[in-house]
Amino acid sequence: MSDPVKEYIQNIKQEWQIPVCERIYQEVHQAIPNVEEKLQYGKPHFRKDGKYVAVLSSAKGWVTVTIFNATALEAPEGFFEADGPPERKTVKILKEQTVDYELLGKLLKQAAATL
């Protein structure tokens, strides 16, 4: 984990969000070998071959991960937020919500495969 991304995760105010962000971080790295990470606009961004694949962020009551290059991704009803452009799909995780990290990893891998 790069120092800026590590600091971002360690400095999250809502304690429950830290393990969620750590797990998402792990899924990104497992799904996308040699992924590049960078803190940009105050949030961890993940790139493959210089192109954005995902961004992770925490807010007061949730964690979000946005997957880029996501037009062809399919997930169960309600997995992604309903609004937003088709090339970007966002997963919003609330406190005590069960998260299908395996599915998230597969979707990240699919999005990165076309870059």
N, C-alpha and C. Protein backbone atom coordinates (compact mmCIF):
# COMPACT_ATOMS: atom_id res chain seq x y z
N MET A 1 0.86 -1.17 0.00
CA MET A 1 0.00 0.00 0.00
C MET A 1 0.90 1.23 0.00
N SER A 2 0.63 2.15 -0.90
CA SER A 2 1.42 3.38 -0.95
C SER A 2 1.15 4.20 0.31
N ASP A 3 2.11 5.01 0.69
CA ASP A 3 1.96 5.79 1.91
C ASP A 3 0.73 6.70 1.89
N PRO A 4 0.46 7.45 0.80
CA PRO A 4 -0.73 8.30 0.80
C PRO A 4 -2.04 7.51 0.93
N VAL A 5 -2.13 6.38 0.27
CA VAL A 5 -3.35 5.57 0.36
C VAL A 5 -3.45 4.96 1.76
N LYS A 6 -2.35 4.51 2.29
CA LYS A 6 -2.33 3.96 3.65
C LYS A 6 -2.80 5.01 4.66
N GLU A 7 -2.29 6.23 4.54
CA GLU A 7 -2.69 7.32 5.43
C GLU A 7 -4.18 7.62 5.27
N TYR A 8 -4.66 7.64 4.03
CA TYR A 8 -6.08 7.90 3.79
C TYR A 8 -6.93 6.91 4.57
N ILE A 9 -6.62 5.63 4.44
CA ILE A 9 -7.41 4.59 5.10
C ILE A 9 -7.26 4.67 6.62
N GLN A 10 -6.05 4.87 7.11
CA GLN A 10 -5.82 4.95 8.56
C GLN A 10 -6.49 6.16 9.19
N ASN A 11 -6.69 7.22 8.43
CA ASN A 11 -7.26 8.46 8.97
C ASN A 11 -8.78 8.56 8.81
N ILE A 12 -9.41 7.50 8.36
CA ILE A 12 -10.87 7.51 8.23
C ILE A 12 -11.47 7.62 9.63
N LYS A 13 -12.43 8.51 9.80
CA LYS A 13 -13.01 8.80 11.12
C LYS A 13 -13.97 7.72 11.61
N GLN A 14 -14.73 7.13 10.72
CA GLN A 14 -15.69 6.09 11.10
C GLN A 14 -14.94 4.75 11.14
N GLU A 15 -14.74 4.20 12.33
CA GLU A 15 -13.92 3.00 12.48
C GLU A 15 -14.41 1.82 11.64
N TRP A 16 -15.71 1.66 11.49
CA TRP A 16 -16.23 0.52 10.73
C TRP A 16 -15.81 0.58 9.26
N GLN A 17 -15.49 1.79 8.77
CA GLN A 17 -15.12 1.95 7.37
C GLN A 17 -13.71 1.48 7.06
N ILE A 18 -12.84 1.47 8.06
CA ILE A 18 -11.44 1.10 7.84
C ILE A 18 -11.32 -0.33 7.30
N PRO A 19 -11.90 -1.36 7.97
CA PRO A 19 -11.78 -2.71 7.40
C PRO A 19 -12.48 -2.86 6.05
N VAL A 20 -13.54 -2.11 5.82
CA VAL A 20 -14.23 -2.16 4.52
C VAL A 20 -13.29 -1.63 3.44
N CYS A 21 -12.65 -0.50 3.70
CA CYS A 21 -11.72 0.07 2.72
C CYS A 21 -10.50 -0.82 2.52
N GLU A 22 -10.00 -1.42 3.59
CA GLU A 22 -8.86 -2.33 3.47
C GLU A 22 -9.22 -3.53 2.60
N ARG A 23 -10.43 -4.05 2.78
CA ARG A 23 -10.86 -5.20 1.99
C ARG A 23 -11.06 -4.83 0.52
N ILE A 24 -11.62 -3.66 0.27
CA ILE A 24 -11.78 -3.21 -1.11
C ILE A 24 -10.40 -3.03 -1.74
N TYR A 25 -9.48 -2.47 -1.00
CA TYR A 25 -8.11 -2.31 -1.47
C TYR A 25 -7.52 -3.66 -1.88
N GLN A 26 -7.71 -4.66 -1.04
CA GLN A 26 -7.22 -6.01 -1.35
C GLN A 26 -7.86 -6.56 -2.61
N GLU A 27 -9.16 -6.37 -2.75
CA GLU A 27 -9.87 -6.86 -3.94
C GLU A 27 -9.34 -6.19 -5.21
N VAL A 28 -9.08 -4.89 -5.14
CA VAL A 28 -8.53 -4.18 -6.30
C VAL A 28 -7.21 -4.81 -6.71
N HIS A 29 -6.34 -5.03 -5.73
CA HIS A 29 -5.01 -5.56 -6.05
C HIS A 29 -5.04 -7.02 -6.49
N GLN A 30 -5.98 -7.79 -6.00
CA GLN A 30 -6.10 -9.18 -6.45
C GLN A 30 -6.68 -9.24 -7.85
N ALA A 31 -7.61 -8.35 -8.16
CA ALA A 31 -8.29 -8.38 -9.45
C ALA A 31 -7.45 -7.79 -10.57
N ILE A 32 -6.57 -6.84 -10.22
CA ILE A 32 -5.83 -6.11 -11.25
C ILE A 32 -4.34 -6.17 -10.93
N PRO A 33 -3.64 -7.16 -11.48
CA PRO A 33 -2.19 -7.23 -11.25
C PRO A 33 -1.50 -5.95 -11.73
N ASN A 34 -0.50 -5.52 -10.99
CA ASN A 34 0.28 -4.33 -11.32
C ASN A 34 -0.56 -3.04 -11.37
N VAL A 35 -1.65 -3.00 -10.62
CA VAL A 35 -2.46 -1.79 -10.57
C VAL A 35 -1.63 -0.66 -9.97
N GLU A 36 -1.82 0.53 -10.52
CA GLU A 36 -1.16 1.72 -10.01
C GLU A 36 -2.14 2.42 -9.08
N GLU A 37 -1.64 2.95 -7.96
CA GLU A 37 -2.52 3.66 -7.05
C GLU A 37 -1.97 5.05 -6.79
N LYS A 38 -2.90 5.97 -6.60
CA LYS A 38 -2.52 7.36 -6.42
C LYS A 38 -3.61 8.06 -5.63
N LEU A 39 -3.22 8.92 -4.71
CA LEU A 39 -4.20 9.75 -4.02
C LEU A 39 -4.43 10.97 -4.90
N GLN A 40 -5.64 11.12 -5.38
CA GLN A 40 -5.98 12.22 -6.28
C GLN A 40 -7.32 12.78 -5.84
N TYR A 41 -7.43 14.10 -5.79
CA TYR A 41 -8.63 14.76 -5.28
C TYR A 41 -8.97 14.27 -3.87
N GLY A 42 -7.94 13.89 -3.12
CA GLY A 42 -8.13 13.45 -1.74
C GLY A 42 -8.64 12.04 -1.58
N LYS A 43 -8.70 11.26 -2.68
CA LYS A 43 -9.23 9.89 -2.63
C LYS A 43 -8.30 8.93 -3.36
N PRO A 44 -8.25 7.67 -2.92
CA PRO A 44 -7.44 6.69 -3.64
C PRO A 44 -8.04 6.37 -5.01
N HIS A 45 -7.22 6.53 -6.04
CA HIS A 45 -7.58 6.18 -7.41
C HIS A 45 -6.69 5.04 -7.86
N PHE A 46 -7.24 4.13 -8.62
CA PHE A 46 -6.52 2.96 -9.09
C PHE A 46 -6.55 2.96 -10.61
N ARG A 47 -5.37 2.75 -11.21
CA ARG A 47 -5.24 2.80 -12.67
C ARG A 47 -4.51 1.57 -13.19
N LYS A 48 -4.84 1.24 -14.43
CA LYS A 48 -4.14 0.19 -15.15
C LYS A 48 -3.67 0.80 -16.46
N ASP A 49 -2.39 0.69 -16.73
CA ASP A 49 -1.81 1.25 -17.95
C ASP A 49 -2.19 2.73 -18.12
N GLY A 50 -2.23 3.47 -17.00
CA GLY A 50 -2.53 4.89 -17.04
C GLY A 50 -3.99 5.25 -17.16
N LYS A 51 -4.87 4.26 -17.21
CA LYS A 51 -6.31 4.52 -17.34
C LYS A 51 -7.01 4.16 -16.03
N TYR A 52 -7.96 4.98 -15.63
CA TYR A 52 -8.65 4.77 -14.37
C TYR A 52 -9.52 3.52 -14.39
N VAL A 53 -9.42 2.76 -13.30
CA VAL A 53 -10.24 1.56 -13.14
C VAL A 53 -11.23 1.76 -12.00
N ALA A 54 -10.78 2.39 -10.90
CA ALA A 54 -11.66 2.54 -9.74
C ALA A 54 -11.20 3.68 -8.85
N VAL A 55 -12.12 4.16 -8.05
CA VAL A 55 -11.82 5.15 -7.02
C VAL A 55 -12.57 4.73 -5.75
N LEU A 56 -11.91 4.90 -4.62
CA LEU A 56 -12.45 4.52 -3.32
C LEU A 56 -12.64 5.79 -2.51
N SER A 57 -13.76 5.89 -1.80
CA SER A 57 -13.94 7.04 -0.92
C SER A 57 -14.82 6.69 0.26
N SER A 58 -14.61 7.45 1.33
CA SER A 58 -15.45 7.28 2.51
C SER A 58 -16.15 8.61 2.77
N ALA A 59 -17.34 8.52 3.29
CA ALA A 59 -18.12 9.70 3.66
C ALA A 59 -18.64 9.46 5.07
N LYS A 60 -19.45 10.36 5.56
CA LYS A 60 -19.91 10.26 6.93
C LYS A 60 -20.60 8.93 7.25
N GLY A 61 -21.45 8.46 6.36
CA GLY A 61 -22.22 7.26 6.67
C GLY A 61 -22.05 6.10 5.71
N TRP A 62 -21.08 6.18 4.80
CA TRP A 62 -20.92 5.11 3.82
C TRP A 62 -19.52 5.12 3.23
N VAL A 63 -19.24 4.04 2.50
CA VAL A 63 -18.03 3.91 1.69
C VAL A 63 -18.51 3.68 0.26
N THR A 64 -17.84 4.30 -0.70
CA THR A 64 -18.19 4.05 -2.09
C THR A 64 -16.96 3.59 -2.85
N VAL A 65 -17.21 2.74 -3.81
CA VAL A 65 -16.19 2.38 -4.78
C VAL A 65 -16.85 2.55 -6.15
N THR A 66 -16.21 3.36 -6.98
CA THR A 66 -16.71 3.60 -8.33
C THR A 66 -15.81 2.86 -9.29
N ILE A 67 -16.43 2.10 -10.18
CA ILE A 67 -15.69 1.35 -11.20
C ILE A 67 -15.87 2.07 -12.53
N PHE A 68 -14.75 2.35 -13.18
CA PHE A 68 -14.76 3.00 -14.48
C PHE A 68 -14.74 1.93 -15.58
N ASN A 69 -15.07 2.34 -16.80
CA ASN A 69 -15.10 1.41 -17.93
C ASN A 69 -16.08 0.28 -17.64
N ALA A 70 -17.24 0.65 -17.10
CA ALA A 70 -18.16 -0.32 -16.53
C ALA A 70 -19.44 -0.53 -17.34
N THR A 71 -19.51 -0.02 -18.54
CA THR A 71 -20.75 -0.10 -19.33
C THR A 71 -21.27 -1.53 -19.47
N ALA A 72 -20.40 -2.49 -19.69
CA ALA A 72 -20.82 -3.88 -19.92
C ALA A 72 -20.98 -4.70 -18.63
N LEU A 73 -20.70 -4.11 -17.48
CA LEU A 73 -20.79 -4.88 -16.23
C LEU A 73 -22.23 -5.13 -15.84
N GLU A 74 -22.47 -6.34 -15.37
CA GLU A 74 -23.80 -6.71 -14.90
C GLU A 74 -23.68 -7.24 -13.49
N ALA A 75 -24.62 -6.81 -12.65
CA ALA A 75 -24.64 -7.23 -11.25
C ALA A 75 -26.10 -7.37 -10.83
N PRO A 76 -26.33 -8.05 -9.73
CA PRO A 76 -27.71 -8.21 -9.23
C PRO A 76 -28.36 -6.84 -8.98
N GLU A 77 -29.65 -6.82 -9.09
CA GLU A 77 -30.45 -5.61 -8.84
C GLU A 77 -30.06 -5.00 -7.50
N GLY A 78 -29.78 -3.71 -7.51
CA GLY A 78 -29.46 -2.99 -6.28
C GLY A 78 -27.99 -3.01 -5.88
N PHE A 79 -27.15 -3.75 -6.60
CA PHE A 79 -25.73 -3.80 -6.25
C PHE A 79 -25.08 -2.45 -6.53
N PHE A 80 -25.40 -1.85 -7.68
CA PHE A 80 -24.88 -0.54 -8.05
C PHE A 80 -25.91 0.53 -7.73
N GLU A 81 -25.43 1.74 -7.48
CA GLU A 81 -26.32 2.89 -7.35
C GLU A 81 -27.04 3.09 -8.68
N ALA A 82 -28.26 3.56 -8.63
CA ALA A 82 -29.09 3.67 -9.83
C ALA A 82 -28.68 4.82 -10.75
N ASP A 83 -28.16 5.90 -10.20
CA ASP A 83 -27.85 7.06 -11.04
C ASP A 83 -26.39 7.06 -11.49
N GLY A 84 -26.08 7.93 -12.42
CA GLY A 84 -24.72 8.04 -12.91
C GLY A 84 -24.59 7.58 -14.34
N PRO A 85 -23.50 7.97 -14.99
CA PRO A 85 -23.29 7.57 -16.38
C PRO A 85 -23.01 6.08 -16.49
N PRO A 86 -23.37 5.44 -17.61
CA PRO A 86 -23.20 3.99 -17.73
C PRO A 86 -21.76 3.51 -17.69
N GLU A 87 -20.81 4.39 -18.02
CA GLU A 87 -19.41 3.96 -18.00
C GLU A 87 -18.81 4.00 -16.60
N ARG A 88 -19.57 4.51 -15.63
CA ARG A 88 -19.13 4.54 -14.23
C ARG A 88 -20.24 3.96 -13.37
N LYS A 89 -19.89 2.95 -12.60
CA LYS A 89 -20.89 2.33 -11.72
C LYS A 89 -20.35 2.37 -10.29
N THR A 90 -21.23 2.75 -9.38
CA THR A 90 -20.83 2.96 -8.00
C THR A 90 -21.53 1.99 -7.06
N VAL A 91 -20.75 1.43 -6.14
CA VAL A 91 -21.27 0.58 -5.07
C VAL A 91 -21.20 1.42 -3.80
N LYS A 92 -22.32 1.56 -3.13
CA LYS A 92 -22.40 2.33 -1.89
C LYS A 92 -22.59 1.34 -0.74
N ILE A 93 -21.68 1.37 0.21
CA ILE A 93 -21.69 0.42 1.32
C ILE A 93 -22.02 1.16 2.61
N LEU A 94 -23.06 0.70 3.28
CA LEU A 94 -23.48 1.29 4.54
C LEU A 94 -23.00 0.45 5.72
N LYS A 95 -23.02 1.03 6.89
CA LYS A 95 -22.59 0.34 8.10
C LYS A 95 -23.40 -0.94 8.29
N GLU A 96 -22.71 -2.02 8.63
CA GLU A 96 -23.28 -3.34 8.90
C GLU A 96 -23.93 -3.99 7.68
N GLN A 97 -23.69 -3.45 6.51
CA GLN A 97 -24.20 -4.05 5.28
C GLN A 97 -23.31 -5.22 4.89
N THR A 98 -23.92 -6.29 4.44
CA THR A 98 -23.17 -7.43 3.92
C THR A 98 -22.71 -7.07 2.51
N VAL A 99 -21.42 -7.25 2.26
CA VAL A 99 -20.84 -6.88 0.98
C VAL A 99 -20.36 -8.13 0.27
N ASP A 100 -20.70 -8.27 -0.99
CA ASP A 100 -20.21 -9.38 -1.80
C ASP A 100 -18.88 -8.96 -2.41
N TYR A 101 -17.81 -9.10 -1.62
CA TYR A 101 -16.48 -8.69 -2.08
C TYR A 101 -16.00 -9.53 -3.25
N GLU A 102 -16.40 -10.78 -3.29
CA GLU A 102 -16.01 -11.65 -4.40
C GLU A 102 -16.57 -11.12 -5.72
N LEU A 103 -17.84 -10.74 -5.70
CA LEU A 103 -18.46 -10.17 -6.89
C LEU A 103 -17.79 -8.85 -7.25
N LEU A 104 -17.51 -8.03 -6.27
CA LEU A 104 -16.83 -6.77 -6.52
C LEU A 104 -15.49 -7.01 -7.21
N GLY A 105 -14.75 -7.98 -6.72
CA GLY A 105 -13.46 -8.33 -7.34
C GLY A 105 -13.62 -8.78 -8.78
N LYS A 106 -14.62 -9.59 -9.05
CA LYS A 106 -14.86 -10.05 -10.42
C LYS A 106 -15.21 -8.88 -11.34
N LEU A 107 -16.02 -7.96 -10.85
CA LEU A 107 -16.41 -6.80 -11.66
C LEU A 107 -15.21 -5.90 -11.93
N LEU A 108 -14.36 -5.71 -10.93
CA LEU A 108 -13.15 -4.93 -11.13
C LEU A 108 -12.25 -5.58 -12.18
N LYS A 109 -12.14 -6.89 -12.11
CA LYS A 109 -11.31 -7.63 -13.07
C LYS A 109 -11.88 -7.49 -14.48
N GLN A 110 -13.20 -7.59 -14.62
CA GLN A 110 -13.83 -7.45 -15.93
C GLN A 110 -13.60 -6.04 -16.50
N ALA A 111 -13.77 -5.04 -15.67
CA ALA A 111 -13.60 -3.66 -16.13
C ALA A 111 -12.15 -3.41 -16.57
N ALA A 112 -11.21 -3.94 -15.82
CA ALA A 112 -9.79 -3.73 -16.13
C ALA A 112 -9.35 -4.53 -17.36
N ALA A 113 -10.01 -5.65 -17.63
CA ALA A 113 -9.60 -6.53 -18.73
C ALA A 113 -9.74 -5.86 -20.09
N THR A 114 -10.63 -4.91 -20.21
CA THR A 114 -10.86 -4.28 -21.51
C THR A 114 -9.98 -3.05 -21.73
N LEU A 115 -9.13 -2.72 -20.76
CA LEU A 115 -8.23 -1.56 -20.91
C LEU A 115 -6.97 -1.96 -21.62
